[in-house]
């Protein structure tokens, strides 16, 4: 991890030990670490699963769009 990122996370109130964790790398994770009573571990994990699912669906849409465009251009080549 870059020291600039860790320094910025520590400015937000995270300890040096926690600032280097993967959990501190996302906004949701930092909110969970700073406010554990408001965002539970279960809520954090659910949010991360939702983000992963969204990223997979967006990646699939981009892939499908590019493949469709390439296929159409191949079909109509002279």
C-alpha atoms as a PDB file:
ATOM      1  CA  UNK A   1       0.000   0.000   0.000  1.00  0.00           C
ATOM      2  CA  UNK A   2       1.198   3.493  -0.729  1.00  0.00           C
ATOM      3  CA  UNK A   3       2.190   5.561   2.266  1.00  0.00           C
ATOM      4  CA  UNK A   4       0.093   8.486   0.973  1.00  0.00           C
ATOM      5  CA  UNK A   5      -3.044   6.347   1.170  1.00  0.00           C
ATOM      6  CA  UNK A   6      -2.196   5.176   4.693  1.00  0.00           C
ATOM      7  CA  UNK A   7      -1.459   8.746   5.794  1.00  0.00           C
ATOM      8  CA  UNK A   8      -4.793   9.965   4.449  1.00  0.00           C
ATOM      9  CA  UNK A   9      -6.627   7.129   6.182  1.00  0.00           C
ATOM     10  CA  UNK A  10      -4.887   7.966   9.461  1.00  0.00           C
ATOM     11  CA  UNK A  11      -5.946  11.617   9.079  1.00  0.00           C
ATOM     12  CA  UNK A  12      -9.537  10.346   9.006  1.00  0.00           C
ATOM     13  CA  UNK A  13      -9.023   8.752  12.406  1.00  0.00           C
ATOM     14  CA  UNK A  14      -7.909   5.209  11.600  1.00  0.00           C
ATOM     15  CA  UNK A  15      -4.956   3.713  13.461  1.00  0.00           C
ATOM     16  CA  UNK A  16      -1.780   2.869  11.527  1.00  0.00           C
ATOM     17  CA  UNK A  17      -2.480  -0.847  12.013  1.00  0.00           C
ATOM     18  CA  UNK A  18      -6.009  -0.625  10.585  1.00  0.00           C
ATOM     19  CA  UNK A  19      -5.120   1.871   7.823  1.00  0.00           C
ATOM     20  CA  UNK A  20      -3.170  -0.843   5.995  1.00  0.00           C
ATOM     21  CA  UNK A  21      -5.969  -3.401   5.868  1.00  0.00           C
ATOM     22  CA  UNK A  22      -8.000  -4.292   2.806  1.00  0.00           C
ATOM     23  CA  UNK A  23     -11.141  -3.284   4.675  1.00  0.00           C
ATOM     24  CA  UNK A  24      -9.848   0.302   4.953  1.00  0.00           C
ATOM     25  CA  UNK A  25      -9.447   0.460   1.177  1.00  0.00           C
ATOM     26  CA  UNK A  26     -13.112   1.123   0.476  1.00  0.00           C
ATOM     27  CA  UNK A  27     -15.411   3.903   1.609  1.00  0.00           C
ATOM     28  CA  UNK A  28     -17.829   1.375   3.088  1.00  0.00           C
ATOM     29  CA  UNK A  29     -14.980  -0.318   4.952  1.00  0.00           C
ATOM     30  CA  UNK A  30     -13.714   2.961   6.388  1.00  0.00           C
ATOM     31  CA  UNK A  31     -17.226   3.867   7.516  1.00  0.00           C
ATOM     32  CA  UNK A  32     -17.523   0.468   9.178  1.00  0.00           C
ATOM     33  CA  UNK A  33     -14.148   0.828  10.909  1.00  0.00           C
ATOM     34  CA  UNK A  34     -14.884   4.356  12.124  1.00  0.00           C
ATOM     35  CA  UNK A  35     -18.508   3.649  13.149  1.00  0.00           C
ATOM     36  CA  UNK A  36     -18.794  -0.044  14.062  1.00  0.00           C
ATOM     37  CA  UNK A  37     -22.062   0.556  15.944  1.00  0.00           C
ATOM     38  CA  UNK A  38     -23.753   2.056  12.893  1.00  0.00           C
ATOM     39  CA  UNK A  39     -22.415  -0.278  10.171  1.00  0.00           C
ATOM     40  CA  UNK A  40     -22.036  -3.849  11.361  1.00  0.00           C
ATOM     41  CA  UNK A  41     -19.694  -6.455   9.906  1.00  0.00           C
ATOM     42  CA  UNK A  42     -22.673  -8.216   8.327  1.00  0.00           C
ATOM     43  CA  UNK A  43     -23.774  -4.990   6.627  1.00  0.00           C
ATOM     44  CA  UNK A  44     -20.225  -4.344   5.414  1.00  0.00           C
ATOM     45  CA  UNK A  45     -19.941  -7.866   3.972  1.00  0.00           C
ATOM     46  CA  UNK A  46     -23.362  -7.580   2.301  1.00  0.00           C
ATOM     47  CA  UNK A  47     -22.364  -4.265   0.741  1.00  0.00           C
ATOM     48  CA  UNK A  48     -19.143  -5.756  -0.598  1.00  0.00           C
ATOM     49  CA  UNK A  49     -21.035  -8.721  -2.109  1.00  0.00           C
ATOM     50  CA  UNK A  50     -23.468  -6.319  -3.739  1.00  0.00           C
ATOM     51  CA  UNK A  51     -20.575  -4.270  -5.161  1.00  0.00           C
ATOM     52  CA  UNK A  52     -18.917  -7.421  -6.538  1.00  0.00           C
ATOM     53  CA  UNK A  53     -22.163  -8.493  -8.208  1.00  0.00           C
ATOM     54  CA  UNK A  54     -22.616  -5.047  -9.717  1.00  0.00           C
ATOM     55  CA  UNK A  55     -19.047  -5.027 -11.028  1.00  0.00           C
ATOM     56  CA  UNK A  56     -19.506  -8.475 -12.608  1.00  0.00           C
ATOM     57  CA  UNK A  57     -22.741  -7.427 -14.320  1.00  0.00           C
ATOM     58  CA  UNK A  58     -21.176  -4.223 -15.661  1.00  0.00           C
ATOM     59  CA  UNK A  59     -18.150  -6.149 -16.944  1.00  0.00           C
ATOM     60  CA  UNK A  60     -20.469  -8.634 -18.679  1.00  0.00           C
ATOM     61  CA  UNK A  61     -22.444  -5.812 -20.311  1.00  0.00           C
ATOM     62  CA  UNK A  62     -19.268  -4.175 -21.639  1.00  0.00           C
ATOM     63  CA  UNK A  63     -17.957  -7.509 -22.932  1.00  0.00           C
ATOM     64  CA  UNK A  64     -21.277  -8.379 -24.584  1.00  0.00           C
ATOM     65  CA  UNK A  65     -21.493  -4.934 -26.194  1.00  0.00           C
ATOM     66  CA  UNK A  66     -17.986  -5.167 -27.654  1.00  0.00           C
ATOM     67  CA  UNK A  67     -18.464  -8.717 -28.905  1.00  0.00           C
ATOM     68  CA  UNK A  68     -21.784  -7.761 -30.514  1.00  0.00           C
ATOM     69  CA  UNK A  69     -20.216  -4.802 -32.310  1.00  0.00           C
ATOM     70  CA  UNK A  70     -17.321  -6.926 -33.575  1.00  0.00           C
ATOM     71  CA  UNK A  71     -19.671  -9.685 -34.716  1.00  0.00           C
ATOM     72  CA  UNK A  72     -21.915  -7.235 -36.578  1.00  0.00           C
ATOM     73  CA  UNK A  73     -18.932  -5.605 -38.295  1.00  0.00           C
ATOM     74  CA  UNK A  74     -17.689  -9.044 -39.404  1.00  0.00           C
ATOM     75  CA  UNK A  75     -21.102 -10.014 -40.759  1.00  0.00           C
ATOM     76  CA  UNK A  76     -21.380  -6.924 -42.960  1.00  0.00           C
ATOM     77  CA  UNK A  77     -17.841  -6.838 -44.326  1.00  0.00           C
ATOM     78  CA  UNK A  78     -17.544  -6.821 -48.103  1.00  0.00           C
END
